[in-house]
Amino acid sequence: MFLIGSTPEEAIRQIKDKNYRLRFAGKLGETPKYTGRILAVGISYNRKTKEKACKIEVLR
């Protein structure tokens, strides 16, 4: 997730809060289509300093 004016940690928190990883789980009762690791990637950009920051976290 890419957010302007915040931190990568806030982006990852939002990914966790909205349960985006469930999109890879498949429907209830189905065998999951993806069984590998799921990564959350938070990217931020500061318009004033033009700096970018990134954080990657394993969700599963």
PDB file of N, CA and C in Angstrom:
ATOM      1  N   MET A   1       0.849  -1.150   0.000  1.00  0.00           N
ATOM      2  CA  MET A   1       0.000   0.000   0.000  1.00  0.00           C
ATOM      3  C   MET A   1       0.905   1.226   0.000  1.00  0.00           C
ATOM      4  N   PHE A   2       0.517   2.228  -0.730  1.00  0.00           N
ATOM      5  CA  PHE A   2       1.298   3.451  -0.879  1.00  0.00           C
ATOM      6  C   PHE A   2       0.523   4.589  -0.247  1.00  0.00           C
ATOM      7  N   LEU A   3       1.120   5.266   0.720  1.00  0.00           N
ATOM      8  CA  LEU A   3       0.476   6.404   1.372  1.00  0.00           C
ATOM      9  C   LEU A   3       1.374   7.626   1.284  1.00  0.00           C
ATOM     10  N   ILE A   4       0.761   8.769   1.032  1.00  0.00           N
ATOM     11  CA  ILE A   4       1.509  10.024   0.985  1.00  0.00           C
ATOM     12  C   ILE A   4       1.324  10.728   2.324  1.00  0.00           C
ATOM     13  N   GLY A   5       2.423  11.140   2.915  1.00  0.00           N
ATOM     14  CA  GLY A   5       2.381  11.893   4.152  1.00  0.00           C
ATOM     15  C   GLY A   5       2.213  11.064   5.410  1.00  0.00           C
ATOM     16  N   SER A   6       2.475   9.784   5.349  1.00  0.00           N
ATOM     17  CA  SER A   6       2.410   8.952   6.548  1.00  0.00           C
ATOM     18  C   SER A   6       3.615   8.017   6.553  1.00  0.00           C
ATOM     19  N   THR A   7       3.608   7.045   7.432  1.00  0.00           N
ATOM     20  CA  THR A   7       4.750   6.138   7.558  1.00  0.00           C
ATOM     21  C   THR A   7       4.433   4.776   6.952  1.00  0.00           C
ATOM     22  N   PRO A   8       5.458   4.004   6.623  1.00  0.00           N
ATOM     23  CA  PRO A   8       5.223   2.643   6.134  1.00  0.00           C
ATOM     24  C   PRO A   8       4.515   1.783   7.179  1.00  0.00           C
ATOM     25  N   GLU A   9       4.791   2.037   8.458  1.00  0.00           N
ATOM     26  CA  GLU A   9       4.133   1.288   9.521  1.00  0.00           C
ATOM     27  C   GLU A   9       2.616   1.525   9.514  1.00  0.00           C
ATOM     28  N   GLU A  10       2.211   2.761   9.234  1.00  0.00           N
ATOM     29  CA  GLU A  10       0.781   3.069   9.146  1.00  0.00           C
ATOM     30  C   GLU A  10       0.144   2.346   7.964  1.00  0.00           C
ATOM     31  N   ALA A  11       0.860   2.251   6.861  1.00  0.00           N
ATOM     32  CA  ALA A  11       0.343   1.549   5.685  1.00  0.00           C
ATOM     33  C   ALA A  11       0.168   0.064   5.990  1.00  0.00           C
ATOM     34  N   ILE A  12       1.123  -0.546   6.663  1.00  0.00           N
ATOM     35  CA  ILE A  12       1.018  -1.962   7.009  1.00  0.00           C
ATOM     36  C   ILE A  12      -0.102  -2.182   8.023  1.00  0.00           C
ATOM     37  N   ARG A  13      -0.264  -1.268   8.958  1.00  0.00           N
ATOM     38  CA  ARG A  13      -1.361  -1.378   9.921  1.00  0.00           C
ATOM     39  C   ARG A  13      -2.706  -1.346   9.201  1.00  0.00           C
ATOM     40  N   GLN A  14      -2.818  -0.495   8.190  1.00  0.00           N
ATOM     41  CA  GLN A  14      -4.047  -0.419   7.412  1.00  0.00           C
ATOM     42  C   GLN A  14      -4.287  -1.717   6.631  1.00  0.00           C
ATOM     43  N   ILE A  15      -3.237  -2.305   6.094  1.00  0.00           N
ATOM     44  CA  ILE A  15      -3.350  -3.587   5.395  1.00  0.00           C
ATOM     45  C   ILE A  15      -3.874  -4.654   6.348  1.00  0.00           C
ATOM     46  N   LYS A  16      -3.350  -4.671   7.563  1.00  0.00           N
ATOM     47  CA  LYS A  16      -3.790  -5.649   8.555  1.00  0.00           C
ATOM     48  C   LYS A  16      -5.225  -5.376   8.999  1.00  0.00           C
ATOM     49  N   ASP A  17      -5.556  -4.103   9.251  1.00  0.00           N
ATOM     50  CA  ASP A  17      -6.899  -3.742   9.706  1.00  0.00           C
ATOM     51  C   ASP A  17      -7.977  -4.120   8.689  1.00  0.00           C
ATOM     52  N   LYS A  18      -7.671  -3.972   7.424  1.00  0.00           N
ATOM     53  CA  LYS A  18      -8.649  -4.267   6.371  1.00  0.00           C
ATOM     54  C   LYS A  18      -8.603  -5.717   5.903  1.00  0.00           C
ATOM     55  N   ASN A  19      -7.733  -6.534   6.532  1.00  0.00           N
ATOM     56  CA  ASN A  19      -7.635  -7.974   6.233  1.00  0.00           C
ATOM     57  C   ASN A  19      -7.449  -8.266   4.741  1.00  0.00           C
ATOM     58  N   TYR A  20      -6.567  -7.542   4.102  1.00  0.00           N
ATOM     59  CA  TYR A  20      -6.316  -7.777   2.676  1.00  0.00           C
ATOM     60  C   TYR A  20      -5.774  -9.176   2.410  1.00  0.00           C
ATOM     61  N   ARG A  21      -5.154  -9.804   3.385  1.00  0.00           N
ATOM     62  CA  ARG A  21      -4.607 -11.147   3.181  1.00  0.00           C
ATOM     63  C   ARG A  21      -5.704 -12.161   2.929  1.00  0.00           C
ATOM     64  N   LEU A  22      -6.933 -11.868   3.377  1.00  0.00           N
ATOM     65  CA  LEU A  22      -8.040 -12.799   3.164  1.00  0.00           C
ATOM     66  C   LEU A  22      -8.379 -12.972   1.687  1.00  0.00           C
ATOM     67  N   ARG A  23      -7.980 -12.045   0.850  1.00  0.00           N
ATOM     68  CA  ARG A  23      -8.218 -12.170  -0.592  1.00  0.00           C
ATOM     69  C   ARG A  23      -7.473 -13.358  -1.187  1.00  0.00           C
ATOM     70  N   PHE A  24      -6.430 -13.791  -0.521  1.00  0.00           N
ATOM     71  CA  PHE A  24      -5.644 -14.933  -1.001  1.00  0.00           C
ATOM     72  C   PHE A  24      -6.137 -16.248  -0.402  1.00  0.00           C
ATOM     73  N   ALA A  25      -7.032 -16.196   0.560  1.00  0.00           N
ATOM     74  CA  ALA A  25      -7.482 -17.394   1.255  1.00  0.00           C
ATOM     75  C   ALA A  25      -8.509 -18.192   0.459  1.00  0.00           C
ATOM     76  N   GLY A  26      -9.197 -17.574  -0.490  1.00  0.00           N
ATOM     77  CA  GLY A  26     -10.245 -18.269  -1.225  1.00  0.00           C
ATOM     78  C   GLY A  26     -11.556 -18.199  -0.470  1.00  0.00           C
ATOM     79  N   LYS A  27     -12.576 -18.777  -1.057  1.00  0.00           N
ATOM     80  CA  LYS A  27     -13.902 -18.752  -0.441  1.00  0.00           C
ATOM     81  C   LYS A  27     -14.006 -19.831   0.627  1.00  0.00           C
ATOM     82  N   LEU A  28     -14.952 -19.650   1.507  1.00  0.00           N
ATOM     83  CA  LEU A  28     -15.166 -20.574   2.606  1.00  0.00           C
ATOM     84  C   LEU A  28     -15.441 -21.979   2.074  1.00  0.00           C
ATOM     85  N   GLY A  29     -14.716 -22.955   2.562  1.00  0.00           N
ATOM     86  CA  GLY A  29     -14.887 -24.332   2.135  1.00  0.00           C
ATOM     87  C   GLY A  29     -14.036 -24.732   0.945  1.00  0.00           C
ATOM     88  N   GLU A  30     -13.431 -23.781   0.278  1.00  0.00           N
ATOM     89  CA  GLU A  30     -12.555 -24.074  -0.859  1.00  0.00           C
ATOM     90  C   GLU A  30     -11.127 -24.274  -0.384  1.00  0.00           C
ATOM     91  N   THR A  31     -10.381 -25.004  -1.171  1.00  0.00           N
ATOM     92  CA  THR A  31      -8.950 -25.122  -0.918  1.00  0.00           C
ATOM     93  C   THR A  31      -8.294 -23.809  -1.337  1.00  0.00           C
ATOM     94  N   PRO A  32      -7.453 -23.231  -0.482  1.00  0.00           N
ATOM     95  CA  PRO A  32      -6.794 -21.969  -0.854  1.00  0.00           C
ATOM     96  C   PRO A  32      -6.022 -22.107  -2.161  1.00  0.00           C
ATOM     97  N   LYS A  33      -6.129 -21.097  -3.008  1.00  0.00           N
ATOM     98  CA  LYS A  33      -5.442 -21.114  -4.297  1.00  0.00           C
ATOM     99  C   LYS A  33      -3.972 -20.745  -4.151  1.00  0.00           C
ATOM    100  N   TYR A  34      -3.671 -19.956  -3.142  1.00  0.00           N
ATOM    101  CA  TYR A  34      -2.288 -19.540  -2.911  1.00  0.00           C
ATOM    102  C   TYR A  34      -1.885 -19.977  -1.515  1.00  0.00           C
ATOM    103  N   THR A  35      -0.830 -20.741  -1.415  1.00  0.00           N
ATOM    104  CA  THR A  35      -0.422 -21.267  -0.109  1.00  0.00           C
ATOM    105  C   THR A  35       0.953 -20.767   0.325  1.00  0.00           C
ATOM    106  N   GLY A  36       1.541 -19.861  -0.431  1.00  0.00           N
ATOM    107  CA  GLY A  36       2.868 -19.355  -0.092  1.00  0.00           C
ATOM    108  C   GLY A  36       2.817 -18.232   0.933  1.00  0.00           C
ATOM    109  N   ARG A  37       3.935 -17.588   1.110  1.00  0.00           N
ATOM    110  CA  ARG A  37       4.009 -16.476   2.054  1.00  0.00           C
ATOM    111  C   ARG A  37       3.271 -15.268   1.495  1.00  0.00           C
ATOM    112  N   ILE A  38       2.644 -14.530   2.371  1.00  0.00           N
ATOM    113  CA  ILE A  38       1.971 -13.292   1.991  1.00  0.00           C
ATOM    114  C   ILE A  38       2.722 -12.151   2.662  1.00  0.00           C
ATOM    115  N   LEU A  39       3.136 -11.187   1.869  1.00  0.00           N
ATOM    116  CA  LEU A  39       3.895 -10.057   2.374  1.00  0.00           C
ATOM    117  C   LEU A  39       3.046  -8.792   2.354  1.00  0.00           C
ATOM    118  N   ALA A  40       3.189  -7.983   3.383  1.00  0.00           N
ATOM    119  CA  ALA A  40       2.599  -6.647   3.404  1.00  0.00           C
ATOM    120  C   ALA A  40       3.729  -5.672   3.115  1.00  0.00           C
ATOM    121  N   VAL A  41       3.517  -4.801   2.148  1.00  0.00           N
ATOM    122  CA  VAL A  41       4.534  -3.823   1.785  1.00  0.00           C
ATOM    123  C   VAL A  41       3.949  -2.431   1.984  1.00  0.00           C
ATOM    124  N   GLY A  42       4.553  -1.673   2.867  1.00  0.00           N
ATOM    125  CA  GLY A  42       4.137  -0.296   3.125  1.00  0.00           C
ATOM    126  C   GLY A  42       5.159   0.658   2.548  1.00  0.00           C
ATOM    127  N   ILE A  43       4.691   1.569   1.704  1.00  0.00           N
ATOM    128  CA  ILE A  43       5.571   2.555   1.070  1.00  0.00           C
ATOM    129  C   ILE A  43       5.015   3.935   1.376  1.00  0.00           C
ATOM    130  N   SER A  44       5.879   4.835   1.798  1.00  0.00           N
ATOM    131  CA  SER A  44       5.442   6.208   2.060  1.00  0.00           C
ATOM    132  C   SER A  44       6.292   7.180   1.255  1.00  0.00           C
ATOM    133  N   TYR A  45       5.726   8.357   1.047  1.00  0.00           N
ATOM    134  CA  TYR A  45       6.400   9.397   0.273  1.00  0.00           C
ATOM    135  C   TYR A  45       6.140  10.737   0.940  1.00  0.00           C
ATOM    136  N   ASN A  46       7.210  11.484   1.164  1.00  0.00           N
ATOM    137  CA  ASN A  46       7.103  12.808   1.755  1.00  0.00           C
ATOM    138  C   ASN A  46       7.249  13.839   0.637  1.00  0.00           C
ATOM    139  N   ARG A  47       6.193  14.589   0.384  1.00  0.00           N
ATOM    140  CA  ARG A  47       6.205  15.566  -0.717  1.00  0.00           C
ATOM    141  C   ARG A  47       7.205  16.703  -0.493  1.00  0.00           C
ATOM    142  N   LYS A  48       7.403  17.075   0.767  1.00  0.00           N
ATOM    143  CA  LYS A  48       8.311  18.195   1.051  1.00  0.00           C
ATOM    144  C   LYS A  48       9.769  17.818   0.825  1.00  0.00           C
ATOM    145  N   THR A  49      10.174  16.672   1.365  1.00  0.00           N
ATOM    146  CA  THR A  49      11.577  16.275   1.281  1.00  0.00           C
ATOM    147  C   THR A  49      11.864  15.344   0.105  1.00  0.00           C
ATOM    148  N   LYS A  50      10.809  14.877  -0.567  1.00  0.00           N
ATOM    149  CA  LYS A  50      10.920  13.942  -1.700  1.00  0.00           C
ATOM    150  C   LYS A  50      11.522  12.599  -1.279  1.00  0.00           C
ATOM    151  N   GLU A  51      11.448  12.287   0.014  1.00  0.00           N
ATOM    152  CA  GLU A  51      11.994  11.022   0.518  1.00  0.00           C
ATOM    153  C   GLU A  51      10.934   9.930   0.470  1.00  0.00           C
ATOM    154  N   LYS A  52      11.400   8.732   0.204  1.00  0.00           N
ATOM    155  CA  LYS A  52      10.541   7.559   0.187  1.00  0.00           C
ATOM    156  C   LYS A  52      11.021   6.600   1.269  1.00  0.00           C
ATOM    157  N   ALA A  53      10.097   5.851   1.833  1.00  0.00           N
ATOM    158  CA  ALA A  53      10.436   4.844   2.838  1.00  0.00           C
ATOM    159  C   ALA A  53       9.614   3.598   2.554  1.00  0.00           C
ATOM    160  N   CYS A  54      10.191   2.445   2.889  1.00  0.00           N
ATOM    161  CA  CYS A  54       9.522   1.185   2.616  1.00  0.00           C
ATOM    162  C   CYS A  54       9.745   0.226   3.782  1.00  0.00           C
ATOM    163  N   LYS A  55       8.712  -0.569   4.066  1.00  0.00           N
ATOM    164  CA  LYS A  55       8.823  -1.607   5.072  1.00  0.00           C
ATOM    165  C   LYS A  55       8.060  -2.827   4.565  1.00  0.00           C
ATOM    166  N   ILE A  56       8.662  -3.996   4.745  1.00  0.00           N
ATOM    167  CA  ILE A  56       8.054  -5.238   4.316  1.00  0.00           C
ATOM    168  C   ILE A  56       7.881  -6.130   5.536  1.00  0.00           C
ATOM    169  N   GLU A  57       6.697  -6.730   5.651  1.00  0.00           N
ATOM    170  CA  GLU A  57       6.405  -7.590   6.792  1.00  0.00           C
ATOM    171  C   GLU A  57       5.697  -8.850   6.301  1.00  0.00           C
ATOM    172  N   VAL A  58       6.067  -9.985   6.851  1.00  0.00           N
ATOM    173  CA  VAL A  58       5.434 -11.246   6.490  1.00  0.00           C
ATOM    174  C   VAL A  58       4.131 -11.383   7.270  1.00  0.00           C
ATOM    175  N   LEU A  59       3.023 -11.577   6.556  1.00  0.00           N
ATOM    176  CA  LEU A  59       1.727 -11.748   7.214  1.00  0.00           C
ATOM    177  C   LEU A  59       1.428 -13.209   7.486  1.00  0.00           C
ATOM    178  N   ARG A  60       1.895 -14.074   6.601  1.00  0.00           N
ATOM    179  CA  ARG A  60       1.687 -15.510   6.779  1.00  0.00           C
ATOM    180  C   ARG A  60       2.784 -16.255   6.111  1.00  0.00           C
TER     181      ARG A  60
END
